[in-house]
Amino acid sequence: MRFVMAILITFSLAPRAAVAAEDKRPPLKLVFPSKAGDVTFDHAAHSKREKGGCTKCHDKLWPQSSKVAITSSDGCRTCHHAKGQSFDMKGNCAKCHAAKGATARRGS
């Protein structure tokens, strides 16, 4: 009887563990609403570029939560500036900001 109960408990908890593990996976893309046109952030590409190293951005620049609204591009400026790690934000708005009703081009 104990064996049967152990199996039942194991199988009842397994789906919950899978859901919990799934919640920890980073999103592939995030969309931030903006008056200048929504910004589609390719999280997978940025993460790949950093070789999976999350600490460069999390938590000092961006909270590691999908529940927090990003209302500023200050974190983007860390790498996206003249002589920065990636393209300068100045004059490159269309790389991130989609025209209303359009999809953002990929620029990283």
N, C-alpha and C. Protein backbone atom coordinates (compact mmCIF):
# COMPACT_ATOMS: atom_id res chain seq x y z
N MET A 1 0.82 -1.20 0.00
CA MET A 1 0.00 0.00 0.00
C MET A 1 0.87 1.28 0.00
N ARG A 2 1.93 1.26 0.78
CA ARG A 2 2.83 2.42 0.81
C ARG A 2 3.45 2.67 -0.55
N PHE A 3 3.79 1.60 -1.24
CA PHE A 3 4.39 1.72 -2.57
C PHE A 3 3.41 2.39 -3.53
N VAL A 4 2.16 1.99 -3.49
CA VAL A 4 1.12 2.57 -4.36
C VAL A 4 0.95 4.06 -4.04
N MET A 5 0.93 4.39 -2.77
CA MET A 5 0.78 5.79 -2.36
C MET A 5 1.99 6.62 -2.82
N ALA A 6 3.19 6.05 -2.71
CA ALA A 6 4.39 6.75 -3.14
C ALA A 6 4.34 7.03 -4.65
N ILE A 7 3.88 6.06 -5.42
CA ILE A 7 3.76 6.24 -6.87
C ILE A 7 2.72 7.31 -7.19
N LEU A 8 1.58 7.26 -6.52
CA LEU A 8 0.53 8.26 -6.75
C LEU A 8 1.03 9.67 -6.42
N ILE A 9 1.72 9.81 -5.34
CA ILE A 9 2.25 11.13 -4.94
C ILE A 9 3.28 11.60 -5.95
N THR A 10 4.16 10.71 -6.36
CA THR A 10 5.19 11.07 -7.35
C THR A 10 4.56 11.56 -8.64
N PHE A 11 3.59 10.81 -9.15
CA PHE A 11 2.96 11.20 -10.41
C PHE A 11 2.08 12.43 -10.27
N SER A 12 1.56 12.69 -9.10
CA SER A 12 0.76 13.91 -8.94
C SER A 12 1.63 15.15 -8.83
N LEU A 13 2.87 15.01 -8.34
CA LEU A 13 3.78 16.15 -8.22
C LEU A 13 4.60 16.40 -9.47
N ALA A 14 4.81 15.40 -10.29
CA ALA A 14 5.64 15.54 -11.49
C ALA A 14 5.17 16.65 -12.42
N PRO A 15 3.86 16.74 -12.74
CA PRO A 15 3.45 17.84 -13.63
C PRO A 15 3.71 19.21 -13.01
N ARG A 16 3.56 19.33 -11.73
CA ARG A 16 3.83 20.61 -11.07
C ARG A 16 5.30 20.98 -11.17
N ALA A 17 6.17 20.01 -11.04
CA ALA A 17 7.61 20.26 -11.16
C ALA A 17 7.95 20.69 -12.58
N ALA A 18 7.29 20.08 -13.57
CA ALA A 18 7.53 20.45 -14.96
C ALA A 18 7.08 21.88 -15.22
N VAL A 19 5.96 22.27 -14.66
CA VAL A 19 5.47 23.65 -14.83
C VAL A 19 6.42 24.62 -14.16
N ALA A 20 6.90 24.28 -12.98
CA ALA A 20 7.84 25.16 -12.27
C ALA A 20 9.12 25.32 -13.07
N ALA A 21 9.62 24.23 -13.64
CA ALA A 21 10.84 24.31 -14.45
C ALA A 21 10.60 25.14 -15.70
N GLU A 22 9.42 25.01 -16.27
CA GLU A 22 9.09 25.77 -17.47
C GLU A 22 9.05 27.27 -17.18
N ASP A 23 8.59 27.65 -16.01
CA ASP A 23 8.52 29.06 -15.63
C ASP A 23 9.91 29.68 -15.54
N LYS A 24 10.94 28.89 -15.33
CA LYS A 24 12.29 29.40 -15.19
C LYS A 24 12.98 29.61 -16.53
N ARG A 25 12.41 29.08 -17.61
CA ARG A 25 13.01 29.26 -18.92
C ARG A 25 12.84 30.70 -19.37
N PRO A 26 13.88 31.29 -19.92
CA PRO A 26 13.76 32.67 -20.38
C PRO A 26 12.89 32.74 -21.63
N PRO A 27 12.24 33.87 -21.83
CA PRO A 27 11.44 34.03 -23.04
C PRO A 27 12.34 34.17 -24.25
N LEU A 28 11.84 33.77 -25.42
CA LEU A 28 12.61 33.94 -26.65
C LEU A 28 12.61 35.40 -27.07
N LYS A 29 11.45 36.04 -26.96
CA LYS A 29 11.32 37.45 -27.33
C LYS A 29 10.42 38.14 -26.33
N LEU A 30 10.64 39.42 -26.16
CA LEU A 30 9.79 40.26 -25.31
C LEU A 30 9.36 41.46 -26.14
N VAL A 31 8.13 41.90 -25.96
CA VAL A 31 7.65 43.08 -26.68
C VAL A 31 7.35 44.16 -25.64
N PHE A 32 8.00 45.31 -25.83
CA PHE A 32 7.79 46.44 -24.94
C PHE A 32 7.01 47.51 -25.69
N PRO A 33 5.86 47.90 -25.18
CA PRO A 33 5.08 48.96 -25.83
C PRO A 33 5.82 50.29 -25.75
N SER A 34 5.73 51.06 -26.81
CA SER A 34 6.40 52.36 -26.85
C SER A 34 5.62 53.29 -27.76
N LYS A 35 5.59 54.57 -27.40
CA LYS A 35 4.93 55.57 -28.24
C LYS A 35 5.61 55.67 -29.60
N ALA A 36 6.90 55.37 -29.66
CA ALA A 36 7.65 55.45 -30.91
C ALA A 36 7.51 54.18 -31.74
N GLY A 37 6.72 53.23 -31.28
CA GLY A 37 6.55 51.93 -31.93
C GLY A 37 7.09 50.85 -31.01
N ASP A 38 6.35 49.77 -30.90
CA ASP A 38 6.73 48.71 -29.98
C ASP A 38 8.13 48.18 -30.29
N VAL A 39 8.81 47.79 -29.24
CA VAL A 39 10.16 47.24 -29.37
C VAL A 39 10.09 45.74 -29.11
N THR A 40 10.53 44.95 -30.08
CA THR A 40 10.62 43.50 -29.89
C THR A 40 12.07 43.19 -29.54
N PHE A 41 12.26 42.75 -28.33
CA PHE A 41 13.59 42.43 -27.82
C PHE A 41 13.83 40.95 -28.03
N ASP A 42 14.83 40.61 -28.80
CA ASP A 42 15.17 39.21 -29.08
C ASP A 42 16.06 38.70 -27.95
N HIS A 43 15.42 38.20 -26.92
CA HIS A 43 16.13 37.74 -25.73
C HIS A 43 17.05 36.57 -26.07
N ALA A 44 16.58 35.67 -26.92
CA ALA A 44 17.39 34.49 -27.27
C ALA A 44 18.70 34.91 -27.94
N ALA A 45 18.63 35.89 -28.86
CA ALA A 45 19.85 36.35 -29.55
C ALA A 45 20.81 37.04 -28.59
N HIS A 46 20.29 37.87 -27.70
CA HIS A 46 21.14 38.55 -26.73
C HIS A 46 21.78 37.53 -25.77
N SER A 47 20.99 36.56 -25.33
CA SER A 47 21.50 35.54 -24.42
C SER A 47 22.59 34.69 -25.10
N LYS A 48 22.36 34.36 -26.37
CA LYS A 48 23.34 33.57 -27.12
C LYS A 48 24.65 34.36 -27.26
N ARG A 49 24.53 35.64 -27.54
CA ARG A 49 25.70 36.49 -27.69
C ARG A 49 26.52 36.53 -26.41
N GLU A 50 25.83 36.48 -25.28
CA GLU A 50 26.51 36.50 -23.98
C GLU A 50 26.83 35.09 -23.49
N LYS A 51 26.67 34.11 -24.37
CA LYS A 51 26.95 32.70 -24.06
C LYS A 51 26.18 32.23 -22.83
N GLY A 52 24.92 32.67 -22.74
CA GLY A 52 24.06 32.25 -21.65
C GLY A 52 24.33 32.93 -20.33
N GLY A 53 25.25 33.87 -20.32
CA GLY A 53 25.57 34.58 -19.09
C GLY A 53 24.51 35.63 -18.79
N CYS A 54 23.72 35.38 -17.81
CA CYS A 54 22.59 36.26 -17.49
C CYS A 54 22.99 37.47 -16.64
N THR A 55 24.11 37.37 -15.93
CA THR A 55 24.45 38.37 -14.93
C THR A 55 24.85 39.73 -15.51
N LYS A 56 25.20 39.77 -16.79
CA LYS A 56 25.55 41.07 -17.37
C LYS A 56 24.35 42.01 -17.34
N CYS A 57 23.17 41.48 -17.54
CA CYS A 57 21.95 42.30 -17.56
C CYS A 57 21.07 42.11 -16.32
N HIS A 58 21.04 40.90 -15.79
CA HIS A 58 20.16 40.60 -14.66
C HIS A 58 20.97 40.52 -13.38
N ASP A 59 20.60 41.12 -12.41
CA ASP A 59 19.47 41.99 -12.12
C ASP A 59 19.89 43.45 -12.10
N LYS A 60 21.13 43.76 -12.45
CA LYS A 60 21.57 45.15 -12.33
C LYS A 60 20.91 46.07 -13.35
N LEU A 61 20.61 45.59 -14.56
CA LEU A 61 19.95 46.44 -15.55
C LEU A 61 18.46 46.16 -15.65
N TRP A 62 18.11 44.90 -15.68
CA TRP A 62 16.71 44.49 -15.86
C TRP A 62 16.34 43.47 -14.80
N PRO A 63 15.18 43.64 -14.18
CA PRO A 63 14.71 42.62 -13.24
C PRO A 63 14.47 41.32 -14.01
N GLN A 64 14.74 40.21 -13.39
CA GLN A 64 14.54 38.92 -14.04
C GLN A 64 13.12 38.44 -13.78
N SER A 65 12.16 39.19 -14.34
CA SER A 65 10.76 38.87 -14.14
C SER A 65 9.95 39.37 -15.32
N SER A 66 9.00 38.55 -15.74
CA SER A 66 8.13 38.96 -16.84
C SER A 66 6.99 39.85 -16.34
N LYS A 67 6.91 40.04 -15.04
CA LYS A 67 5.83 40.82 -14.45
C LYS A 67 6.17 42.31 -14.33
N VAL A 68 7.39 42.67 -14.64
CA VAL A 68 7.84 44.05 -14.49
C VAL A 68 7.80 44.75 -15.84
N ALA A 69 7.16 45.89 -15.89
CA ALA A 69 7.09 46.65 -17.13
C ALA A 69 8.35 47.50 -17.28
N ILE A 70 8.96 47.43 -18.44
CA ILE A 70 10.14 48.25 -18.72
C ILE A 70 9.64 49.56 -19.33
N THR A 71 9.97 50.66 -18.71
CA THR A 71 9.45 51.95 -19.18
C THR A 71 10.56 52.89 -19.64
N SER A 72 11.78 52.39 -19.70
CA SER A 72 12.90 53.24 -20.07
C SER A 72 13.89 52.44 -20.90
N SER A 73 14.61 53.13 -21.76
CA SER A 73 15.64 52.47 -22.56
C SER A 73 17.02 52.59 -21.91
N ASP A 74 17.07 53.01 -20.66
CA ASP A 74 18.35 53.20 -19.99
C ASP A 74 19.20 51.93 -19.99
N GLY A 75 18.59 50.78 -19.78
CA GLY A 75 19.34 49.52 -19.80
C GLY A 75 19.90 49.24 -21.18
N CYS A 76 19.16 49.59 -22.23
CA CYS A 76 19.64 49.38 -23.60
C CYS A 76 20.90 50.19 -23.85
N ARG A 77 20.95 51.39 -23.28
CA ARG A 77 22.09 52.29 -23.50
C ARG A 77 23.41 51.74 -22.94
N THR A 78 23.32 50.73 -22.10
CA THR A 78 24.54 50.15 -21.55
C THR A 78 25.43 49.61 -22.67
N CYS A 79 24.82 48.99 -23.68
CA CYS A 79 25.59 48.44 -24.81
C CYS A 79 25.36 49.22 -26.10
N HIS A 80 24.19 49.83 -26.22
CA HIS A 80 23.81 50.52 -27.46
C HIS A 80 24.10 52.02 -27.36
N HIS A 81 25.37 52.37 -27.55
CA HIS A 81 25.81 53.76 -27.55
C HIS A 81 27.04 53.86 -28.45
N ALA A 82 27.42 55.08 -28.78
CA ALA A 82 28.62 55.27 -29.62
C ALA A 82 29.80 54.59 -28.95
N LYS A 83 30.52 53.79 -29.70
CA LYS A 83 31.67 53.02 -29.22
C LYS A 83 31.29 51.96 -28.20
N GLY A 84 30.00 51.63 -28.14
CA GLY A 84 29.54 50.58 -27.24
C GLY A 84 29.70 49.21 -27.87
N GLN A 85 29.22 48.21 -27.16
CA GLN A 85 29.33 46.82 -27.61
C GLN A 85 28.50 46.55 -28.86
N SER A 86 27.44 47.34 -29.07
CA SER A 86 26.58 47.13 -30.23
C SER A 86 26.25 48.47 -30.88
N PHE A 87 25.34 48.47 -31.83
CA PHE A 87 25.03 49.70 -32.56
C PHE A 87 24.55 50.81 -31.63
N ASP A 88 24.81 52.03 -32.02
CA ASP A 88 24.39 53.21 -31.28
C ASP A 88 22.89 53.41 -31.46
N MET A 89 22.18 53.71 -30.38
CA MET A 89 20.75 53.96 -30.46
C MET A 89 20.45 55.19 -31.31
N LYS A 90 21.30 56.20 -31.21
CA LYS A 90 21.07 57.46 -31.90
C LYS A 90 21.07 57.24 -33.42
N GLY A 91 19.97 57.60 -34.06
CA GLY A 91 19.84 57.48 -35.50
C GLY A 91 19.48 56.08 -35.98
N ASN A 92 19.27 55.15 -35.08
CA ASN A 92 18.93 53.78 -35.45
C ASN A 92 17.60 53.32 -34.85
N CYS A 93 16.67 54.24 -34.74
CA CYS A 93 15.38 53.93 -34.09
C CYS A 93 14.68 52.74 -34.73
N ALA A 94 14.69 52.68 -36.07
CA ALA A 94 13.95 51.64 -36.79
C ALA A 94 14.50 50.24 -36.55
N LYS A 95 15.71 50.12 -36.02
CA LYS A 95 16.25 48.79 -35.73
C LYS A 95 15.48 48.11 -34.62
N CYS A 96 14.91 48.89 -33.72
CA CYS A 96 14.19 48.31 -32.59
C CYS A 96 12.71 48.70 -32.56
N HIS A 97 12.42 49.93 -32.89
CA HIS A 97 11.05 50.41 -32.84
C HIS A 97 10.32 50.11 -34.14
N ALA A 98 9.24 49.35 -34.03
CA ALA A 98 8.44 49.02 -35.21
C ALA A 98 7.50 50.18 -35.51
N ALA A 99 7.31 50.46 -36.78
CA ALA A 99 6.29 51.44 -37.15
C ALA A 99 4.96 50.88 -36.68
N LYS A 100 4.04 51.72 -36.31
CA LYS A 100 2.75 51.26 -35.83
C LYS A 100 2.14 50.28 -36.83
N GLY A 101 1.78 49.07 -36.33
CA GLY A 101 1.17 48.06 -37.18
C GLY A 101 2.17 47.20 -37.92
N ALA A 102 3.45 47.44 -37.74
CA ALA A 102 4.49 46.65 -38.41
C ALA A 102 5.26 45.83 -37.39
N THR A 103 6.10 44.96 -37.84
CA THR A 103 6.94 44.15 -36.97
C THR A 103 8.34 44.75 -36.96
N ALA A 104 8.94 44.79 -35.79
CA ALA A 104 10.30 45.37 -35.66
C ALA A 104 11.30 44.51 -36.42
N ARG A 105 12.22 45.19 -37.05
CA ARG A 105 13.33 44.47 -37.68
C ARG A 105 14.28 44.02 -36.60
N ARG A 106 14.98 42.98 -36.89
CA ARG A 106 15.92 42.47 -35.91
C ARG A 106 17.22 43.25 -36.01
N GLY A 107 17.58 43.88 -34.94
CA GLY A 107 18.84 44.61 -34.88
C GLY A 107 19.43 44.45 -33.51
N SER A 108 20.64 43.91 -33.43
CA SER A 108 21.20 43.68 -32.10
C SER A 108 22.60 44.12 -31.97
